[in-house]
Amino acid sequence: MTTRTSPSVLLVIAVAAGLATNLALGLLYGSIPPLPAPAGLTFLVLGLVEGGIAVVLYRRIQQRPGARPVDALAAARAVALAKASALAGSLVGGAWCGVLAFVLPRRAQVAAAASDTTAAVIGIVGSVVLVAAALALEWCCRTPDDPESRLPEDRR
């Protein structure tokens, strides 16, 4: 049995990535090219796809009418995907937060910082969507309660 992904671990990863990115930008910002605004859209699309997978698997695991049962290996793969996506989303989301913390105060003085602010906001939104979808997918893949366990002791 695997343990559920802890939000505190995701938060620690995000903070560490944000601090490291902010420090790196402080040293190297003048020598890197401007960040493309659609860079964060990748995680937004991945989050939407993963959210769709969560909805489909939830219906199948809950054995809704007309839904096929879920193979145990498919559920295990979905949980692995969810855990990896949550970690990746928190890491990249923290990095985008570090970028935003660096460029937001400088956007009035540096033209590149203004466009990088847009890229950072899009990246943060995409990462939040991915982490939320990953946690939802992990939650959806829980084993449903055994109906026999709800019966009183004398009826078993």
N, C-alpha and C. Protein backbone atom coordinates (compact mmCIF):
# COMPACT_ATOMS: atom_id res chain seq x y z
N MET A 1 0.85 -1.19 0.00
CA MET A 1 0.00 0.00 0.00
C MET A 1 0.88 1.24 0.00
N THR A 2 0.56 2.17 -0.83
CA THR A 2 1.33 3.40 -0.88
C THR A 2 0.70 4.45 0.02
N THR A 3 1.53 5.37 0.43
CA THR A 3 1.01 6.47 1.24
C THR A 3 0.58 7.60 0.33
N ARG A 4 -0.34 8.39 0.81
CA ARG A 4 -0.81 9.52 0.01
C ARG A 4 0.24 10.61 -0.02
N THR A 5 0.25 11.37 -1.08
CA THR A 5 1.20 12.46 -1.22
C THR A 5 0.88 13.54 -0.20
N SER A 6 1.89 13.93 0.54
CA SER A 6 1.70 14.91 1.60
C SER A 6 1.79 16.33 1.04
N PRO A 7 0.80 17.16 1.29
CA PRO A 7 0.88 18.56 0.84
C PRO A 7 2.08 19.29 1.45
N SER A 8 2.49 18.91 2.65
CA SER A 8 3.63 19.58 3.26
C SER A 8 4.92 19.29 2.50
N VAL A 9 5.06 18.08 1.99
CA VAL A 9 6.24 17.74 1.18
C VAL A 9 6.23 18.57 -0.11
N LEU A 10 5.07 18.69 -0.72
CA LEU A 10 4.95 19.49 -1.94
C LEU A 10 5.30 20.95 -1.67
N LEU A 11 4.88 21.45 -0.52
CA LEU A 11 5.17 22.84 -0.16
C LEU A 11 6.67 23.04 0.07
N VAL A 12 7.31 22.10 0.73
CA VAL A 12 8.76 22.20 0.97
C VAL A 12 9.51 22.19 -0.36
N ILE A 13 9.11 21.32 -1.27
CA ILE A 13 9.75 21.26 -2.59
C ILE A 13 9.56 22.58 -3.33
N ALA A 14 8.35 23.12 -3.28
CA ALA A 14 8.08 24.38 -3.98
C ALA A 14 8.89 25.53 -3.40
N VAL A 15 8.97 25.61 -2.09
CA VAL A 15 9.73 26.70 -1.46
C VAL A 15 11.22 26.57 -1.80
N ALA A 16 11.76 25.36 -1.72
CA ALA A 16 13.17 25.15 -2.04
C ALA A 16 13.46 25.52 -3.50
N ALA A 17 12.59 25.10 -4.40
CA ALA A 17 12.78 25.44 -5.82
C ALA A 17 12.67 26.94 -6.05
N GLY A 18 11.73 27.57 -5.38
CA GLY A 18 11.56 29.01 -5.52
C GLY A 18 12.78 29.79 -5.03
N LEU A 19 13.30 29.39 -3.89
CA LEU A 19 14.49 30.07 -3.36
C LEU A 19 15.70 29.85 -4.26
N ALA A 20 15.89 28.63 -4.72
CA ALA A 20 17.02 28.34 -5.61
C ALA A 20 16.92 29.12 -6.92
N THR A 21 15.72 29.18 -7.48
CA THR A 21 15.52 29.91 -8.74
C THR A 21 15.74 31.40 -8.54
N ASN A 22 15.23 31.93 -7.45
CA ASN A 22 15.41 33.35 -7.18
C ASN A 22 16.88 33.69 -7.01
N LEU A 23 17.62 32.84 -6.32
CA LEU A 23 19.05 33.06 -6.14
C LEU A 23 19.79 32.98 -7.48
N ALA A 24 19.45 31.98 -8.29
CA ALA A 24 20.09 31.83 -9.60
C ALA A 24 19.79 33.02 -10.51
N LEU A 25 18.56 33.51 -10.47
CA LEU A 25 18.22 34.67 -11.30
C LEU A 25 18.96 35.92 -10.84
N GLY A 26 19.19 36.03 -9.54
CA GLY A 26 19.95 37.17 -9.03
C GLY A 26 21.36 37.19 -9.58
N LEU A 27 21.91 36.01 -9.84
CA LEU A 27 23.27 35.92 -10.37
C LEU A 27 23.33 35.98 -11.89
N LEU A 28 22.29 35.46 -12.57
CA LEU A 28 22.39 35.25 -14.01
C LEU A 28 21.34 35.97 -14.85
N TYR A 29 20.49 36.80 -14.27
CA TYR A 29 19.35 37.33 -15.01
C TYR A 29 19.75 38.12 -16.25
N GLY A 30 20.83 38.84 -16.19
CA GLY A 30 21.24 39.65 -17.34
C GLY A 30 21.73 38.83 -18.52
N SER A 31 22.07 37.57 -18.29
CA SER A 31 22.65 36.76 -19.38
C SER A 31 21.70 35.70 -19.94
N ILE A 32 20.48 35.64 -19.45
CA ILE A 32 19.53 34.65 -19.98
C ILE A 32 18.54 35.33 -20.92
N PRO A 33 18.03 34.60 -21.90
CA PRO A 33 17.05 35.19 -22.82
C PRO A 33 15.70 35.38 -22.11
N PRO A 34 14.84 36.21 -22.68
CA PRO A 34 13.50 36.38 -22.08
C PRO A 34 12.74 35.05 -22.07
N LEU A 35 11.92 34.89 -21.06
CA LEU A 35 11.13 33.67 -20.93
C LEU A 35 9.92 33.74 -21.85
N PRO A 36 9.64 32.67 -22.60
CA PRO A 36 8.46 32.70 -23.48
C PRO A 36 7.18 32.60 -22.65
N ALA A 37 6.21 33.42 -22.97
CA ALA A 37 4.96 33.45 -22.21
C ALA A 37 4.22 32.11 -22.21
N PRO A 38 4.18 31.37 -23.32
CA PRO A 38 3.44 30.10 -23.29
C PRO A 38 4.18 28.94 -22.63
N ALA A 39 5.32 29.20 -22.01
CA ALA A 39 6.09 28.11 -21.41
C ALA A 39 5.29 27.37 -20.33
N GLY A 40 4.49 28.08 -19.58
CA GLY A 40 3.72 27.46 -18.51
C GLY A 40 2.46 26.75 -18.98
N LEU A 41 2.12 26.90 -20.25
CA LEU A 41 0.90 26.25 -20.76
C LEU A 41 1.02 24.73 -20.81
N THR A 42 2.24 24.23 -20.88
CA THR A 42 2.44 22.78 -20.93
C THR A 42 1.84 22.11 -19.70
N PHE A 43 2.16 22.66 -18.53
CA PHE A 43 1.63 22.05 -17.31
C PHE A 43 0.13 22.26 -17.18
N LEU A 44 -0.38 23.34 -17.73
CA LEU A 44 -1.82 23.55 -17.72
C LEU A 44 -2.52 22.47 -18.53
N VAL A 45 -2.01 22.18 -19.72
CA VAL A 45 -2.59 21.13 -20.56
C VAL A 45 -2.46 19.77 -19.89
N LEU A 46 -1.30 19.48 -19.32
CA LEU A 46 -1.12 18.20 -18.62
C LEU A 46 -2.08 18.08 -17.45
N GLY A 47 -2.30 19.17 -16.74
CA GLY A 47 -3.23 19.15 -15.62
C GLY A 47 -4.66 18.90 -16.06
N LEU A 48 -5.06 19.50 -17.17
CA LEU A 48 -6.42 19.27 -17.68
C LEU A 48 -6.60 17.82 -18.13
N VAL A 49 -5.59 17.27 -18.78
CA VAL A 49 -5.67 15.87 -19.21
C VAL A 49 -5.73 14.95 -17.99
N GLU A 50 -4.89 15.22 -17.02
CA GLU A 50 -4.87 14.39 -15.81
C GLU A 50 -6.18 14.52 -15.03
N GLY A 51 -6.78 15.69 -15.04
CA GLY A 51 -8.09 15.85 -14.41
C GLY A 51 -9.15 15.03 -15.12
N GLY A 52 -9.09 14.98 -16.44
CA GLY A 52 -10.02 14.14 -17.20
C GLY A 52 -9.83 12.66 -16.88
N ILE A 53 -8.58 12.23 -16.76
CA ILE A 53 -8.30 10.84 -16.38
C ILE A 53 -8.87 10.55 -15.00
N ALA A 54 -8.75 11.51 -14.09
CA ALA A 54 -9.27 11.32 -12.73
C ALA A 54 -10.78 11.11 -12.74
N VAL A 55 -11.48 11.89 -13.54
CA VAL A 55 -12.95 11.77 -13.61
C VAL A 55 -13.34 10.40 -14.16
N VAL A 56 -12.68 9.98 -15.24
CA VAL A 56 -13.01 8.70 -15.85
C VAL A 56 -12.71 7.54 -14.90
N LEU A 57 -11.53 7.57 -14.27
CA LEU A 57 -11.19 6.49 -13.35
C LEU A 57 -12.08 6.47 -12.12
N TYR A 58 -12.46 7.65 -11.63
CA TYR A 58 -13.34 7.69 -10.47
C TYR A 58 -14.68 7.01 -10.77
N ARG A 59 -15.23 7.30 -11.93
CA ARG A 59 -16.51 6.68 -12.30
C ARG A 59 -16.35 5.17 -12.43
N ARG A 60 -15.23 4.73 -13.00
CA ARG A 60 -15.02 3.30 -13.18
C ARG A 60 -14.76 2.60 -11.85
N ILE A 61 -14.00 3.23 -10.96
CA ILE A 61 -13.70 2.62 -9.66
C ILE A 61 -14.96 2.56 -8.81
N GLN A 62 -15.80 3.56 -8.90
CA GLN A 62 -17.05 3.57 -8.13
C GLN A 62 -18.10 2.65 -8.75
N GLN A 63 -17.76 2.03 -9.85
CA GLN A 63 -18.63 1.08 -10.55
C GLN A 63 -19.98 1.68 -10.90
N ARG A 64 -19.92 2.83 -11.51
CA ARG A 64 -21.14 3.47 -11.98
C ARG A 64 -21.74 2.64 -13.11
N PRO A 65 -23.04 2.73 -13.33
CA PRO A 65 -23.66 1.94 -14.40
C PRO A 65 -23.03 2.24 -15.76
N GLY A 66 -22.71 1.19 -16.46
CA GLY A 66 -22.13 1.30 -17.79
C GLY A 66 -20.63 1.46 -17.81
N ALA A 67 -20.00 1.55 -16.64
CA ALA A 67 -18.55 1.73 -16.59
C ALA A 67 -17.87 0.38 -16.41
N ARG A 68 -16.79 0.20 -17.17
CA ARG A 68 -16.03 -1.04 -17.04
C ARG A 68 -15.20 -1.00 -15.76
N PRO A 69 -14.93 -2.16 -15.16
CA PRO A 69 -14.07 -2.18 -13.97
C PRO A 69 -12.63 -1.77 -14.34
N VAL A 70 -11.91 -1.30 -13.35
CA VAL A 70 -10.54 -0.85 -13.56
C VAL A 70 -9.58 -1.98 -13.22
N ASP A 71 -8.64 -2.23 -14.12
CA ASP A 71 -7.59 -3.19 -13.87
C ASP A 71 -6.69 -2.65 -12.75
N ALA A 72 -6.26 -3.51 -11.86
CA ALA A 72 -5.43 -3.07 -10.72
C ALA A 72 -4.12 -2.44 -11.19
N LEU A 73 -3.54 -2.97 -12.25
CA LEU A 73 -2.29 -2.41 -12.77
C LEU A 73 -2.52 -1.01 -13.35
N ALA A 74 -3.65 -0.79 -13.99
CA ALA A 74 -3.97 0.53 -14.53
C ALA A 74 -4.13 1.54 -13.39
N ALA A 75 -4.76 1.12 -12.31
CA ALA A 75 -4.92 2.01 -11.16
C ALA A 75 -3.56 2.33 -10.53
N ALA A 76 -2.69 1.32 -10.45
CA ALA A 76 -1.37 1.56 -9.89
C ALA A 76 -0.56 2.52 -10.77
N ARG A 77 -0.69 2.37 -12.08
CA ARG A 77 -0.01 3.30 -12.99
C ARG A 77 -0.55 4.72 -12.84
N ALA A 78 -1.85 4.83 -12.66
CA ALA A 78 -2.45 6.16 -12.48
C ALA A 78 -1.95 6.81 -11.19
N VAL A 79 -1.80 6.02 -10.13
CA VAL A 79 -1.29 6.57 -8.88
C VAL A 79 0.16 7.00 -9.05
N ALA A 80 0.95 6.21 -9.76
CA ALA A 80 2.35 6.59 -10.01
C ALA A 80 2.42 7.88 -10.83
N LEU A 81 1.56 7.99 -11.83
CA LEU A 81 1.50 9.23 -12.62
C LEU A 81 1.10 10.40 -11.74
N ALA A 82 0.13 10.20 -10.86
CA ALA A 82 -0.33 11.27 -9.99
C ALA A 82 0.78 11.74 -9.05
N LYS A 83 1.50 10.80 -8.46
CA LYS A 83 2.57 11.17 -7.54
C LYS A 83 3.68 11.92 -8.27
N ALA A 84 4.07 11.43 -9.44
CA ALA A 84 5.12 12.10 -10.20
C ALA A 84 4.67 13.48 -10.66
N SER A 85 3.43 13.60 -11.07
CA SER A 85 2.92 14.90 -11.53
C SER A 85 2.83 15.90 -10.39
N ALA A 86 2.44 15.44 -9.21
CA ALA A 86 2.37 16.34 -8.06
C ALA A 86 3.75 16.86 -7.69
N LEU A 87 4.74 15.98 -7.70
CA LEU A 87 6.10 16.41 -7.39
C LEU A 87 6.65 17.36 -8.46
N ALA A 88 6.45 17.01 -9.72
CA ALA A 88 6.94 17.86 -10.81
C ALA A 88 6.22 19.22 -10.80
N GLY A 89 4.92 19.19 -10.58
CA GLY A 89 4.16 20.44 -10.54
C GLY A 89 4.60 21.35 -9.41
N SER A 90 4.87 20.77 -8.24
CA SER A 90 5.31 21.61 -7.12
C SER A 90 6.72 22.14 -7.35
N LEU A 91 7.58 21.33 -7.96
CA LEU A 91 8.94 21.78 -8.25
C LEU A 91 8.93 22.93 -9.26
N VAL A 92 8.23 22.74 -10.36
CA VAL A 92 8.19 23.77 -11.40
C VAL A 92 7.38 24.99 -10.92
N GLY A 93 6.31 24.74 -10.20
CA GLY A 93 5.52 25.86 -9.66
C GLY A 93 6.34 26.71 -8.70
N GLY A 94 7.15 26.05 -7.86
CA GLY A 94 8.03 26.80 -6.97
C GLY A 94 9.05 27.62 -7.75
N ALA A 95 9.58 27.02 -8.82
CA ALA A 95 10.54 27.75 -9.66
C ALA A 95 9.88 28.98 -10.29
N TRP A 96 8.65 28.81 -10.78
CA TRP A 96 7.94 29.96 -11.36
C TRP A 96 7.66 31.02 -10.29
N CYS A 97 7.38 30.60 -9.07
CA CYS A 97 7.19 31.58 -7.99
C CYS A 97 8.48 32.34 -7.72
N GLY A 98 9.61 31.62 -7.79
CA GLY A 98 10.91 32.29 -7.63
C GLY A 98 11.15 33.30 -8.74
N VAL A 99 10.77 32.94 -9.96
CA VAL A 99 10.90 33.88 -11.08
C VAL A 99 10.02 35.10 -10.84
N LEU A 100 8.78 34.86 -10.43
CA LEU A 100 7.86 35.98 -10.20
C LEU A 100 8.36 36.89 -9.09
N ALA A 101 8.88 36.30 -8.02
CA ALA A 101 9.40 37.11 -6.92
C ALA A 101 10.59 37.95 -7.36
N PHE A 102 11.35 37.46 -8.33
CA PHE A 102 12.51 38.22 -8.81
C PHE A 102 12.10 39.31 -9.79
N VAL A 103 11.21 39.01 -10.72
CA VAL A 103 10.92 39.97 -11.79
C VAL A 103 9.83 40.99 -11.43
N LEU A 104 8.96 40.65 -10.51
CA LEU A 104 7.85 41.57 -10.19
C LEU A 104 8.35 42.94 -9.72
N PRO A 105 9.31 43.03 -8.80
CA PRO A 105 9.77 44.36 -8.40
C PRO A 105 10.57 45.09 -9.48
N ARG A 106 11.07 44.37 -10.48
CA ARG A 106 11.93 44.96 -11.50
C ARG A 106 11.19 45.28 -12.81
N ARG A 107 9.91 45.00 -12.88
CA ARG A 107 9.22 45.14 -14.17
C ARG A 107 9.09 46.59 -14.63
N ALA A 108 9.17 47.54 -13.74
CA ALA A 108 9.10 48.94 -14.14
C ALA A 108 10.42 49.43 -14.73
N GLN A 109 11.52 48.84 -14.29
CA GLN A 109 12.83 49.30 -14.75
C GLN A 109 13.36 48.49 -15.93
N VAL A 110 13.02 47.21 -16.00
CA VAL A 110 13.58 46.33 -17.03
C VAL A 110 12.44 45.81 -17.91
N ALA A 111 12.55 46.03 -19.21
CA ALA A 111 11.48 45.62 -20.14
C ALA A 111 11.32 44.11 -20.16
N ALA A 112 12.40 43.38 -20.08
CA ALA A 112 12.31 41.91 -20.10
C ALA A 112 11.59 41.39 -18.87
N ALA A 113 11.74 42.09 -17.75
CA ALA A 113 11.08 41.64 -16.52
C ALA A 113 9.56 41.74 -16.65
N ALA A 114 9.06 42.71 -17.40
CA ALA A 114 7.61 42.84 -17.59
C ALA A 114 7.06 41.65 -18.36
N SER A 115 7.74 41.22 -19.42
CA SER A 115 7.25 40.05 -20.17
C SER A 115 7.48 38.76 -19.38
N ASP A 116 8.55 38.72 -18.59
CA ASP A 116 8.80 37.53 -17.77
C ASP A 116 7.76 37.39 -16.65
N THR A 117 7.18 38.51 -16.24
CA THR A 117 6.12 38.46 -15.23
C THR A 117 4.91 37.70 -15.77
N THR A 118 4.56 37.96 -17.01
CA THR A 118 3.44 37.24 -17.64
C THR A 118 3.73 35.76 -17.74
N ALA A 119 4.93 35.41 -18.15
CA ALA A 119 5.31 34.00 -18.25
C ALA A 119 5.26 33.32 -16.89
N ALA A 120 5.71 34.02 -15.86
CA ALA A 120 5.71 33.44 -14.52
C ALA A 120 4.29 33.19 -14.01
N VAL A 121 3.40 34.13 -14.25
CA VAL A 121 2.01 33.96 -13.79
C VAL A 121 1.36 32.78 -14.52
N ILE A 122 1.57 32.69 -15.82
CA ILE A 122 1.02 31.55 -16.57
C ILE A 122 1.61 30.24 -16.07
N GLY A 123 2.90 30.23 -15.78
CA GLY A 123 3.55 29.03 -15.26
C GLY A 123 3.02 28.62 -13.90
N ILE A 124 2.78 29.59 -13.05
CA ILE A 124 2.24 29.29 -11.72
C ILE A 124 0.84 28.70 -11.84
N VAL A 125 0.01 29.31 -12.66
CA VAL A 125 -1.36 28.80 -12.85
C VAL A 125 -1.33 27.37 -13.41
N GLY A 126 -0.50 27.13 -14.40
CA GLY A 126 -0.39 25.79 -14.97
C GLY A 126 0.08 24.77 -13.96
N SER A 127 1.05 25.15 -13.13
CA SER A 127 1.57 24.23 -12.12
C SER A 127 0.53 23.93 -11.03
N VAL A 128 -0.21 24.95 -10.64
CA VAL A 128 -1.27 24.73 -9.63
C VAL A 128 -2.33 23.79 -10.18
N VAL A 129 -2.71 23.97 -11.44
CA VAL A 129 -3.70 23.07 -12.05
C VAL A 129 -3.17 21.64 -12.10
N LEU A 130 -1.90 21.47 -12.45
CA LEU A 130 -1.32 20.13 -12.51
C LEU A 130 -1.28 19.48 -11.13
N VAL A 131 -0.86 20.20 -10.12
CA VAL A 131 -0.79 19.63 -8.77
C VAL A 131 -2.19 19.28 -8.27
N ALA A 132 -3.16 20.14 -8.51
CA ALA A 132 -4.53 19.86 -8.08
C ALA A 132 -5.08 18.63 -8.80
N ALA A 133 -4.85 18.53 -10.08
CA ALA A 133 -5.32 17.36 -10.83
C ALA A 133 -4.61 16.09 -10.38
N ALA A 134 -3.33 16.19 -10.08
CA ALA A 134 -2.58 15.02 -9.62
C ALA A 134 -3.11 14.54 -8.27
N LEU A 135 -3.35 15.47 -7.36
CA LEU A 135 -3.90 15.07 -6.06
C LEU A 135 -5.31 14.50 -6.20
N ALA A 136 -6.09 15.04 -7.12
CA ALA A 136 -7.43 14.51 -7.37
C ALA A 136 -7.34 13.10 -7.96
N LEU A 137 -6.42 12.89 -8.89
CA LEU A 137 -6.26 11.55 -9.48
C LEU A 137 -5.83 10.55 -8.43
N GLU A 138 -4.91 10.94 -7.58
CA GLU A 138 -4.48 10.04 -6.51
C GLU A 138 -5.64 9.71 -5.57
N TRP A 139 -6.45 10.72 -5.26
CA TRP A 139 -7.59 10.50 -4.39
C TRP A 139 -8.62 9.59 -5.05
N CYS A 140 -8.82 9.75 -6.35
CA CYS A 140 -9.81 8.95 -7.07
C CYS A 140 -9.43 7.48 -7.13
N CYS A 141 -8.16 7.18 -7.03
CA CYS A 141 -7.70 5.79 -7.16
C CYS A 141 -7.70 5.05 -5.82
N ARG A 142 -8.32 5.63 -4.81
CA ARG A 142 -8.45 4.90 -3.54
C ARG A 142 -9.32 3.67 -3.76
N THR A 143 -9.09 2.67 -2.96
CA THR A 143 -9.93 1.48 -3.03
C THR A 143 -11.26 1.79 -2.36
N PRO A 144 -12.38 1.50 -3.03
CA PRO A 144 -13.67 1.76 -2.39
C PRO A 144 -13.85 0.85 -1.18
N ASP A 145 -14.62 1.35 -0.24
CA ASP A 145 -14.88 0.55 0.95
C ASP A 145 -15.54 -0.77 0.58
N ASP A 146 -15.17 -1.80 1.28
CA ASP A 146 -15.76 -3.11 1.06
C ASP A 146 -17.19 -3.10 1.61
N PRO A 147 -18.20 -3.42 0.79
CA PRO A 147 -19.57 -3.38 1.28
C PRO A 147 -19.81 -4.37 2.43
N GLU A 148 -19.06 -5.44 2.47
CA GLU A 148 -19.22 -6.43 3.54
C GLU A 148 -18.78 -5.86 4.89
N SER A 149 -17.88 -4.91 4.88
CA SER A 149 -17.37 -4.37 6.15
C SER A 149 -18.41 -3.49 6.85
N ARG A 150 -19.47 -3.13 6.17
CA ARG A 150 -20.50 -2.27 6.76
C ARG A 150 -21.59 -3.08 7.47
N LEU A 151 -21.59 -4.39 7.28
CA LEU A 151 -22.61 -5.22 7.91
C LEU A 151 -22.33 -5.38 9.40
N PRO A 152 -23.38 -5.46 10.21
CA PRO A 152 -23.17 -5.72 11.65
C PRO A 152 -22.50 -7.08 11.83
N GLU A 153 -21.87 -7.24 12.99
CA GLU A 153 -21.12 -8.47 13.27
C GLU A 153 -21.98 -9.72 13.16
N ASP A 154 -23.24 -9.67 13.61
CA ASP A 154 -24.07 -10.88 13.62
C ASP A 154 -24.57 -11.26 12.22
N ARG A 155 -24.45 -10.39 11.24
CA ARG A 155 -24.94 -10.70 9.89
C ARG A 155 -23.84 -11.20 8.97
N ARG A 156 -22.61 -11.28 9.42
CA ARG A 156 -21.50 -11.75 8.59
C ARG A 156 -21.46 -13.23 8.49
